[in-house]
Amino acid sequence: MKIKKGDLFAVQAGDYVGQMFAVVDLTKDVVDCLSVPSMQNVIITKEKFDFGRNNGIIEYVETLTTDVFTVIHAQYTKNANINHRFK
């Protein structure tokens, strides 16, 4: 399954267990997610993301509706802007 913007994944193990990763953007090398409900930006290498999917660490749940994705994307952008200001 190809990863797309707006896909939602449940984290089953590891540091983010119990969180959901909403894919906000992706490139050839990284997957940018908003972790819900903590509302923190998480940037994962494509290699680690694929490893997690292939080993049951993260599992696909659904593709978000456009209205929900719009809110998720806005929160991700807000977090990125705040973090950029304090560097």
N, C-alpha and C. Protein backbone atom coordinates (compact mmCIF):
# COMPACT_ATOMS: atom_id res chain seq x y z
N MET A 1 0.84 -1.19 0.00
CA MET A 1 0.00 0.00 0.00
C MET A 1 0.88 1.25 0.00
N LYS A 2 0.58 2.16 -0.90
CA LYS A 2 1.33 3.40 -1.00
C LYS A 2 0.81 4.39 0.06
N ILE A 3 1.72 5.08 0.73
CA ILE A 3 1.37 6.09 1.73
C ILE A 3 0.92 7.35 1.00
N LYS A 4 -0.18 7.96 1.51
CA LYS A 4 -0.68 9.19 0.92
C LYS A 4 -0.93 10.23 2.01
N LYS A 5 -0.89 11.50 1.62
CA LYS A 5 -1.28 12.56 2.55
C LYS A 5 -2.70 12.26 3.03
N GLY A 6 -2.92 12.45 4.32
CA GLY A 6 -4.24 12.22 4.88
C GLY A 6 -4.45 10.83 5.42
N ASP A 7 -3.49 9.92 5.22
CA ASP A 7 -3.62 8.58 5.79
C ASP A 7 -3.40 8.65 7.30
N LEU A 8 -4.13 7.83 8.02
CA LEU A 8 -4.04 7.79 9.47
C LEU A 8 -3.57 6.41 9.90
N PHE A 9 -2.55 6.38 10.77
CA PHE A 9 -1.97 5.13 11.25
C PHE A 9 -2.01 5.08 12.77
N ALA A 10 -2.33 3.91 13.32
CA ALA A 10 -2.30 3.69 14.76
C ALA A 10 -0.93 3.14 15.14
N VAL A 11 -0.35 3.70 16.18
CA VAL A 11 0.96 3.23 16.66
C VAL A 11 0.71 2.15 17.71
N GLN A 12 1.22 0.95 17.45
CA GLN A 12 0.96 -0.22 18.29
C GLN A 12 2.07 -0.51 19.30
N ALA A 13 3.26 0.07 19.09
CA ALA A 13 4.40 -0.22 19.98
C ALA A 13 5.40 0.93 19.90
N GLY A 14 6.31 0.97 20.86
CA GLY A 14 7.37 1.96 20.83
C GLY A 14 7.04 3.23 21.61
N ASP A 15 7.83 4.26 21.37
CA ASP A 15 7.71 5.52 22.11
C ASP A 15 6.36 6.21 21.93
N TYR A 16 5.70 5.98 20.82
CA TYR A 16 4.45 6.67 20.51
C TYR A 16 3.23 5.75 20.62
N VAL A 17 3.36 4.63 21.33
CA VAL A 17 2.25 3.69 21.45
C VAL A 17 1.01 4.42 21.97
N GLY A 18 -0.13 4.12 21.37
CA GLY A 18 -1.39 4.75 21.75
C GLY A 18 -1.68 6.02 20.97
N GLN A 19 -0.72 6.50 20.19
CA GLN A 19 -0.92 7.70 19.38
C GLN A 19 -1.40 7.30 17.99
N MET A 20 -1.88 8.27 17.27
CA MET A 20 -2.23 8.10 15.85
C MET A 20 -1.33 9.05 15.07
N PHE A 21 -0.79 8.57 13.97
CA PHE A 21 0.02 9.40 13.09
C PHE A 21 -0.80 9.75 11.86
N ALA A 22 -1.06 11.05 11.67
CA ALA A 22 -1.75 11.54 10.48
C ALA A 22 -0.68 12.06 9.53
N VAL A 23 -0.61 11.48 8.34
CA VAL A 23 0.41 11.87 7.36
C VAL A 23 0.02 13.23 6.77
N VAL A 24 0.91 14.21 6.97
CA VAL A 24 0.66 15.57 6.50
C VAL A 24 1.40 15.83 5.19
N ASP A 25 2.58 15.29 5.08
CA ASP A 25 3.37 15.48 3.86
C ASP A 25 4.37 14.33 3.77
N LEU A 26 4.86 14.09 2.56
CA LEU A 26 5.89 13.07 2.40
C LEU A 26 6.76 13.39 1.21
N THR A 27 8.00 12.99 1.33
CA THR A 27 8.96 13.12 0.25
C THR A 27 9.53 11.73 -0.01
N LYS A 28 10.53 11.68 -0.86
CA LYS A 28 11.17 10.40 -1.15
C LYS A 28 11.81 9.82 0.11
N ASP A 29 12.26 10.69 1.03
CA ASP A 29 13.06 10.25 2.17
C ASP A 29 12.35 10.30 3.53
N VAL A 30 11.35 11.17 3.70
CA VAL A 30 10.72 11.33 5.01
C VAL A 30 9.20 11.39 4.92
N VAL A 31 8.57 11.04 6.05
CA VAL A 31 7.13 11.14 6.20
C VAL A 31 6.88 12.11 7.35
N ASP A 32 6.18 13.21 7.07
CA ASP A 32 5.84 14.21 8.09
C ASP A 32 4.45 13.89 8.63
N CYS A 33 4.36 13.75 9.96
CA CYS A 33 3.09 13.38 10.58
C CYS A 33 2.76 14.32 11.72
N LEU A 34 1.46 14.39 12.02
CA LEU A 34 1.01 15.01 13.25
C LEU A 34 0.57 13.87 14.15
N SER A 35 1.15 13.81 15.34
CA SER A 35 0.80 12.77 16.31
C SER A 35 -0.42 13.24 17.10
N VAL A 36 -1.45 12.42 17.10
CA VAL A 36 -2.70 12.76 17.78
C VAL A 36 -2.93 11.73 18.88
N PRO A 37 -3.29 12.08 20.10
CA PRO A 37 -3.80 13.38 20.53
C PRO A 37 -2.75 14.34 21.05
N SER A 38 -1.47 14.00 21.05
CA SER A 38 -0.47 14.91 21.62
C SER A 38 -0.27 16.17 20.78
N MET A 39 -0.70 16.13 19.50
CA MET A 39 -0.61 17.28 18.58
C MET A 39 0.82 17.76 18.40
N GLN A 40 1.74 16.81 18.29
CA GLN A 40 3.15 17.13 18.05
C GLN A 40 3.54 16.69 16.66
N ASN A 41 4.41 17.48 16.03
CA ASN A 41 4.94 17.10 14.72
C ASN A 41 5.97 16.00 14.90
N VAL A 42 5.89 14.99 14.04
CA VAL A 42 6.84 13.88 14.06
C VAL A 42 7.32 13.68 12.63
N ILE A 43 8.64 13.69 12.46
CA ILE A 43 9.22 13.46 11.14
C ILE A 43 9.95 12.13 11.20
N ILE A 44 9.55 11.21 10.33
CA ILE A 44 10.06 9.84 10.34
C ILE A 44 10.70 9.56 8.99
N THR A 45 11.86 8.93 9.00
CA THR A 45 12.44 8.55 7.72
C THR A 45 11.53 7.53 7.06
N LYS A 46 11.50 7.56 5.75
CA LYS A 46 10.68 6.61 4.99
C LYS A 46 11.06 5.17 5.34
N GLU A 47 12.35 4.94 5.52
CA GLU A 47 12.85 3.61 5.86
C GLU A 47 12.26 3.12 7.18
N LYS A 48 12.27 3.97 8.22
CA LYS A 48 11.71 3.58 9.52
C LYS A 48 10.19 3.43 9.45
N PHE A 49 9.54 4.29 8.67
CA PHE A 49 8.09 4.21 8.53
C PHE A 49 7.71 2.87 7.89
N ASP A 50 8.41 2.51 6.82
CA ASP A 50 8.15 1.22 6.16
C ASP A 50 8.45 0.04 7.09
N PHE A 51 9.53 0.15 7.86
CA PHE A 51 9.85 -0.90 8.83
C PHE A 51 8.71 -1.07 9.83
N GLY A 52 8.20 0.05 10.34
CA GLY A 52 7.09 0.02 11.29
C GLY A 52 5.85 -0.62 10.69
N ARG A 53 5.53 -0.30 9.47
CA ARG A 53 4.37 -0.89 8.79
C ARG A 53 4.56 -2.39 8.57
N ASN A 54 5.75 -2.77 8.15
CA ASN A 54 6.01 -4.18 7.84
C ASN A 54 6.10 -5.07 9.07
N ASN A 55 6.30 -4.46 10.25
CA ASN A 55 6.49 -5.23 11.47
C ASN A 55 5.39 -5.01 12.51
N GLY A 56 4.27 -4.45 12.09
CA GLY A 56 3.13 -4.29 12.99
C GLY A 56 3.28 -3.23 14.06
N ILE A 57 4.27 -2.35 13.90
CA ILE A 57 4.45 -1.27 14.87
C ILE A 57 3.44 -0.17 14.61
N ILE A 58 3.18 0.11 13.34
CA ILE A 58 2.11 1.03 12.99
C ILE A 58 1.20 0.34 11.98
N GLU A 59 -0.09 0.63 12.08
CA GLU A 59 -1.07 0.01 11.20
C GLU A 59 -2.00 1.06 10.61
N TYR A 60 -2.27 0.90 9.33
CA TYR A 60 -3.20 1.80 8.63
C TYR A 60 -4.59 1.70 9.25
N VAL A 61 -5.22 2.85 9.47
CA VAL A 61 -6.58 2.90 10.03
C VAL A 61 -7.56 3.36 8.95
N GLU A 62 -7.31 4.55 8.39
CA GLU A 62 -8.22 5.11 7.39
C GLU A 62 -7.56 6.30 6.72
N THR A 63 -8.21 6.79 5.69
CA THR A 63 -7.81 8.05 5.07
C THR A 63 -8.77 9.13 5.59
N LEU A 64 -8.21 10.20 6.09
CA LEU A 64 -9.01 11.27 6.68
C LEU A 64 -9.84 11.99 5.63
N THR A 65 -10.98 12.48 6.04
CA THR A 65 -11.80 13.30 5.16
C THR A 65 -11.09 14.64 4.95
N THR A 66 -11.45 15.34 3.90
CA THR A 66 -10.80 16.60 3.57
C THR A 66 -10.92 17.62 4.69
N ASP A 67 -12.08 17.72 5.32
CA ASP A 67 -12.25 18.72 6.38
C ASP A 67 -11.38 18.41 7.60
N VAL A 68 -11.26 17.14 7.96
CA VAL A 68 -10.42 16.75 9.09
C VAL A 68 -8.95 16.96 8.72
N PHE A 69 -8.55 16.58 7.51
CA PHE A 69 -7.16 16.76 7.09
C PHE A 69 -6.79 18.24 7.10
N THR A 70 -7.69 19.12 6.73
CA THR A 70 -7.43 20.56 6.73
C THR A 70 -7.06 21.04 8.13
N VAL A 71 -7.77 20.57 9.14
CA VAL A 71 -7.49 20.95 10.53
C VAL A 71 -6.14 20.37 10.97
N ILE A 72 -5.88 19.11 10.64
CA ILE A 72 -4.62 18.45 10.98
C ILE A 72 -3.45 19.20 10.34
N HIS A 73 -3.59 19.54 9.08
CA HIS A 73 -2.53 20.25 8.35
C HIS A 73 -2.29 21.63 8.97
N ALA A 74 -3.35 22.31 9.35
CA ALA A 74 -3.22 23.64 9.97
C ALA A 74 -2.46 23.54 11.30
N GLN A 75 -2.76 22.53 12.10
CA GLN A 75 -2.06 22.35 13.37
C GLN A 75 -0.59 22.03 13.14
N TYR A 76 -0.29 21.17 12.17
CA TYR A 76 1.09 20.83 11.84
C TYR A 76 1.86 22.09 11.45
N THR A 77 1.26 22.92 10.59
CA THR A 77 1.89 24.15 10.13
C THR A 77 2.11 25.11 11.29
N LYS A 78 1.12 25.24 12.16
CA LYS A 78 1.25 26.11 13.33
C LYS A 78 2.42 25.65 14.20
N ASN A 79 2.50 24.34 14.46
CA ASN A 79 3.60 23.80 15.27
C ASN A 79 4.95 24.09 14.61
N ALA A 80 5.03 23.90 13.31
CA ALA A 80 6.29 24.13 12.59
C ALA A 80 6.70 25.59 12.68
N ASN A 81 5.74 26.49 12.56
CA ASN A 81 6.05 27.92 12.63
C ASN A 81 6.51 28.32 14.03
N ILE A 82 5.87 27.77 15.06
CA ILE A 82 6.26 28.07 16.44
C ILE A 82 7.66 27.53 16.71
N ASN A 83 7.92 26.29 16.32
CA ASN A 83 9.23 25.68 16.55
C ASN A 83 10.33 26.42 15.80
N HIS A 84 10.02 26.92 14.61
CA HIS A 84 11.01 27.64 13.81
C HIS A 84 11.39 28.96 14.47
N ARG A 85 10.41 29.62 15.12
CA ARG A 85 10.66 30.91 15.77
C ARG A 85 11.63 30.79 16.93
N PHE A 86 11.63 29.64 17.62
CA PHE A 86 12.43 29.50 18.84
C PHE A 86 13.78 28.83 18.60
N LYS A 87 14.15 28.59 17.37
CA LYS A 87 15.46 27.96 17.10
C LYS A 87 16.54 28.98 17.04
